[in-house]
N, C-alpha and C. Protein backbone atom coordinates (compact mmCIF):
# COMPACT_ATOMS: atom_id res chain seq x y z
N MET A 1 -36.06 4.76 11.35
CA MET A 1 -35.73 4.83 12.94
C MET A 1 -34.07 4.34 13.00
N ASN A 2 -33.28 5.48 13.31
CA ASN A 2 -31.85 5.11 13.32
C ASN A 2 -31.28 4.53 14.54
N VAL A 3 -31.00 3.29 14.57
CA VAL A 3 -30.54 2.72 15.81
C VAL A 3 -28.85 2.62 15.95
N ALA A 4 -28.47 3.07 16.78
CA ALA A 4 -26.71 3.08 16.81
C ALA A 4 -26.48 1.55 16.99
N VAL A 5 -25.62 1.17 16.07
CA VAL A 5 -25.00 -0.12 16.18
C VAL A 5 -23.44 -0.15 16.30
N PRO A 6 -23.20 -0.96 17.54
CA PRO A 6 -21.86 -0.89 17.40
C PRO A 6 -20.81 -1.51 16.19
N CYS A 7 -19.75 -0.64 15.96
CA CYS A 7 -18.83 -1.18 14.87
C CYS A 7 -17.68 -1.58 15.52
N GLN A 8 -16.82 -2.21 14.42
CA GLN A 8 -15.49 -2.55 15.02
C GLN A 8 -14.60 -2.45 13.62
N THR A 9 -13.55 -1.85 13.78
CA THR A 9 -12.65 -1.56 12.80
C THR A 9 -11.65 -3.01 12.48
N VAL A 10 -11.50 -3.23 11.42
CA VAL A 10 -10.67 -4.62 11.12
C VAL A 10 -9.84 -4.23 10.00
N ASN A 11 -8.58 -4.73 10.15
CA ASN A 11 -7.35 -4.58 9.15
C ASN A 11 -7.32 -5.83 8.49
N LEU A 12 -7.43 -5.88 7.21
CA LEU A 12 -7.17 -6.91 6.36
C LEU A 12 -5.96 -6.95 5.37
N THR A 13 -5.28 -7.96 5.17
CA THR A 13 -4.20 -8.00 4.40
C THR A 13 -4.72 -8.86 3.06
N LEU A 14 -4.97 -8.22 1.82
CA LEU A 14 -5.53 -8.95 0.87
C LEU A 14 -4.56 -8.82 -0.48
N PRO A 15 -4.67 -9.69 -1.35
CA PRO A 15 -4.03 -9.69 -2.49
C PRO A 15 -4.62 -8.52 -3.29
N HIS A 16 -3.95 -7.86 -4.23
CA HIS A 16 -4.29 -6.53 -4.81
C HIS A 16 -5.41 -6.97 -5.57
N ALA A 17 -5.52 -8.12 -6.22
CA ALA A 17 -6.59 -8.44 -7.24
C ALA A 17 -8.03 -8.68 -6.47
N ASP A 18 -7.80 -8.84 -5.26
CA ASP A 18 -9.20 -9.10 -4.46
C ASP A 18 -9.89 -7.97 -3.82
N VAL A 19 -9.12 -6.73 -4.02
CA VAL A 19 -9.65 -5.41 -3.40
C VAL A 19 -10.96 -5.29 -3.96
N GLY A 20 -10.94 -5.28 -5.28
CA GLY A 20 -12.50 -4.96 -5.91
C GLY A 20 -13.36 -5.75 -5.34
N LEU A 21 -13.21 -6.99 -5.15
CA LEU A 21 -14.21 -7.99 -4.60
C LEU A 21 -14.62 -7.61 -3.33
N LEU A 22 -13.77 -7.19 -2.48
CA LEU A 22 -14.07 -6.53 -1.03
C LEU A 22 -14.70 -5.30 -1.30
N LYS A 23 -14.47 -4.41 -2.15
CA LYS A 23 -15.33 -3.28 -2.26
C LYS A 23 -16.75 -3.42 -2.78
N SER A 24 -16.96 -4.40 -3.61
CA SER A 24 -18.35 -4.80 -4.05
C SER A 24 -19.26 -5.15 -2.98
N LEU A 25 -18.38 -6.02 -2.31
CA LEU A 25 -19.26 -6.76 -1.19
C LEU A 25 -19.61 -5.98 -0.03
N SER A 26 -18.74 -5.00 0.31
CA SER A 26 -18.85 -4.08 1.18
C SER A 26 -19.84 -3.04 0.92
N LYS A 27 -20.10 -2.64 -0.43
CA LYS A 27 -21.13 -1.89 -0.87
C LYS A 27 -22.38 -2.50 -0.75
N LYS A 28 -22.66 -3.71 -1.09
CA LYS A 28 -23.77 -4.50 -0.83
C LYS A 28 -24.15 -4.61 0.52
N MET A 29 -23.14 -4.77 1.41
CA MET A 29 -23.53 -4.80 2.91
C MET A 29 -23.71 -3.54 3.66
N GLY A 30 -23.31 -2.30 3.08
CA GLY A 30 -23.33 -1.38 3.63
C GLY A 30 -22.26 -0.73 4.51
N TRP A 31 -21.15 -1.62 4.46
CA TRP A 31 -19.86 -1.37 5.01
C TRP A 31 -19.07 -0.21 4.38
N SER A 32 -18.02 0.23 5.18
CA SER A 32 -17.34 1.23 4.66
C SER A 32 -16.06 0.86 4.46
N VAL A 33 -15.15 0.88 3.45
CA VAL A 33 -13.75 0.30 3.14
C VAL A 33 -12.99 1.57 3.02
N ARG A 34 -11.69 1.51 3.79
CA ARG A 34 -10.68 2.56 3.30
C ARG A 34 -9.38 1.89 3.15
N VAL A 35 -9.06 2.11 1.87
CA VAL A 35 -7.59 1.41 1.58
C VAL A 35 -6.54 2.38 1.83
N GLU A 36 -5.80 2.02 2.59
CA GLU A 36 -4.69 2.74 2.86
C GLU A 36 -3.55 2.45 1.88
N ARG A 37 -2.80 3.74 1.49
CA ARG A 37 -1.78 3.57 0.43
C ARG A 37 -0.34 4.49 1.01
N LYS A 38 0.68 3.64 0.84
CA LYS A 38 2.00 4.22 1.31
C LYS A 38 2.40 5.63 0.39
N SER A 39 2.87 6.36 1.06
CA SER A 39 3.51 7.43 0.52
C SER A 39 4.85 7.01 0.00
N GLY A 40 5.34 7.92 -1.15
CA GLY A 40 6.95 7.37 -1.56
C GLY A 40 7.98 7.63 -0.51
N ILE A 41 7.77 8.41 0.56
CA ILE A 41 8.74 8.23 1.52
C ILE A 41 8.70 7.07 2.21
N GLU A 42 7.35 6.61 2.57
CA GLU A 42 7.12 5.16 3.18
C GLU A 42 7.69 4.26 2.45
N LYS A 43 7.56 4.17 1.37
CA LYS A 43 8.20 3.21 0.44
C LYS A 43 9.59 3.05 0.36
N GLY A 44 10.08 4.45 0.28
CA GLY A 44 11.62 4.29 0.45
C GLY A 44 12.14 3.84 1.52
N LEU A 45 11.60 4.29 2.82
CA LEU A 45 12.04 3.60 4.02
C LEU A 45 11.84 2.21 3.98
N ASP A 46 10.86 1.65 3.64
CA ASP A 46 10.73 0.11 3.55
C ASP A 46 11.98 -0.51 2.78
N ASP A 47 12.38 0.07 1.55
CA ASP A 47 13.28 -0.28 0.88
C ASP A 47 14.75 -0.40 1.62
N ILE A 48 14.94 0.95 2.22
CA ILE A 48 16.07 0.92 2.99
C ILE A 48 16.08 -0.11 4.19
N ARG A 49 14.91 -0.30 4.96
CA ARG A 49 14.85 -1.40 6.01
C ARG A 49 15.35 -2.93 5.28
N LYS A 50 14.68 -2.97 4.23
CA LYS A 50 15.07 -4.29 3.40
C LYS A 50 16.38 -4.41 2.87
N GLY A 51 17.37 -3.34 2.90
CA GLY A 51 18.49 -3.38 2.40
C GLY A 51 18.46 -3.15 0.92
N ASN A 52 17.54 -2.74 0.10
CA ASN A 52 17.60 -2.60 -1.37
C ASN A 52 18.27 -1.18 -1.53
N LEU A 53 19.55 -1.11 -1.38
CA LEU A 53 20.38 0.10 -1.71
C LEU A 53 21.33 -0.14 -2.79
N TYR A 54 21.60 0.80 -3.53
CA TYR A 54 22.47 0.80 -4.61
C TYR A 54 23.61 1.87 -4.67
N HIS A 55 24.99 1.52 -4.70
CA HIS A 55 25.77 2.62 -4.53
C HIS A 55 26.40 2.79 -5.78
N ALA A 56 26.73 3.91 -6.17
CA ALA A 56 27.61 4.01 -7.27
C ALA A 56 29.00 4.67 -7.20
N LYS A 57 29.99 4.24 -7.92
CA LYS A 57 31.26 4.60 -7.83
C LYS A 57 31.53 6.14 -7.96
N ASN A 58 30.78 6.65 -9.08
CA ASN A 58 31.05 8.06 -9.45
C ASN A 58 29.43 8.35 -10.17
N SER A 59 29.49 9.50 -11.11
CA SER A 59 28.27 9.90 -11.54
C SER A 59 28.05 9.37 -12.81
N GLU A 60 29.24 8.80 -13.45
CA GLU A 60 29.22 7.85 -14.84
C GLU A 60 28.43 6.58 -14.22
N ASP A 61 28.88 5.91 -13.09
CA ASP A 61 28.40 4.84 -12.87
C ASP A 61 26.98 4.80 -12.45
N LEU A 62 26.46 5.91 -11.94
CA LEU A 62 25.04 6.18 -11.56
C LEU A 62 24.22 5.97 -12.54
N LEU A 63 24.65 6.91 -13.79
CA LEU A 63 24.03 6.92 -14.99
C LEU A 63 23.67 5.57 -15.61
N LYS A 64 25.10 4.78 -15.58
CA LYS A 64 24.61 3.46 -16.23
C LYS A 64 23.58 2.69 -15.31
N GLN A 65 23.71 2.86 -13.96
CA GLN A 65 22.52 2.17 -13.21
C GLN A 65 21.27 2.52 -13.36
N ILE A 66 21.18 3.84 -13.74
CA ILE A 66 19.85 4.33 -13.97
C ILE A 66 19.27 4.25 -15.17
N LEU A 67 19.94 4.11 -16.41
CA LEU A 67 19.58 4.06 -17.66
C LEU A 67 19.94 2.63 -18.37
N GLY A 68 20.64 1.99 -17.69
CA GLY A 68 21.02 0.82 -18.09
C GLY A 68 20.66 -0.65 -17.82
């Protein structure tokens, strides 16, 4: 017999190393876990917000920053 059980969505912030533990625990408990991942654009926008920007004087300076 299936009985409707009220569920609640919870957001957790965990160290990356503990995600596996959470997944194994949730599997044993019958919970569902969804790990959200940021897209490349979201990561880039976060860098801009944090001020992680680099400016090159010219193309040679840009190549030095990239390769060196």
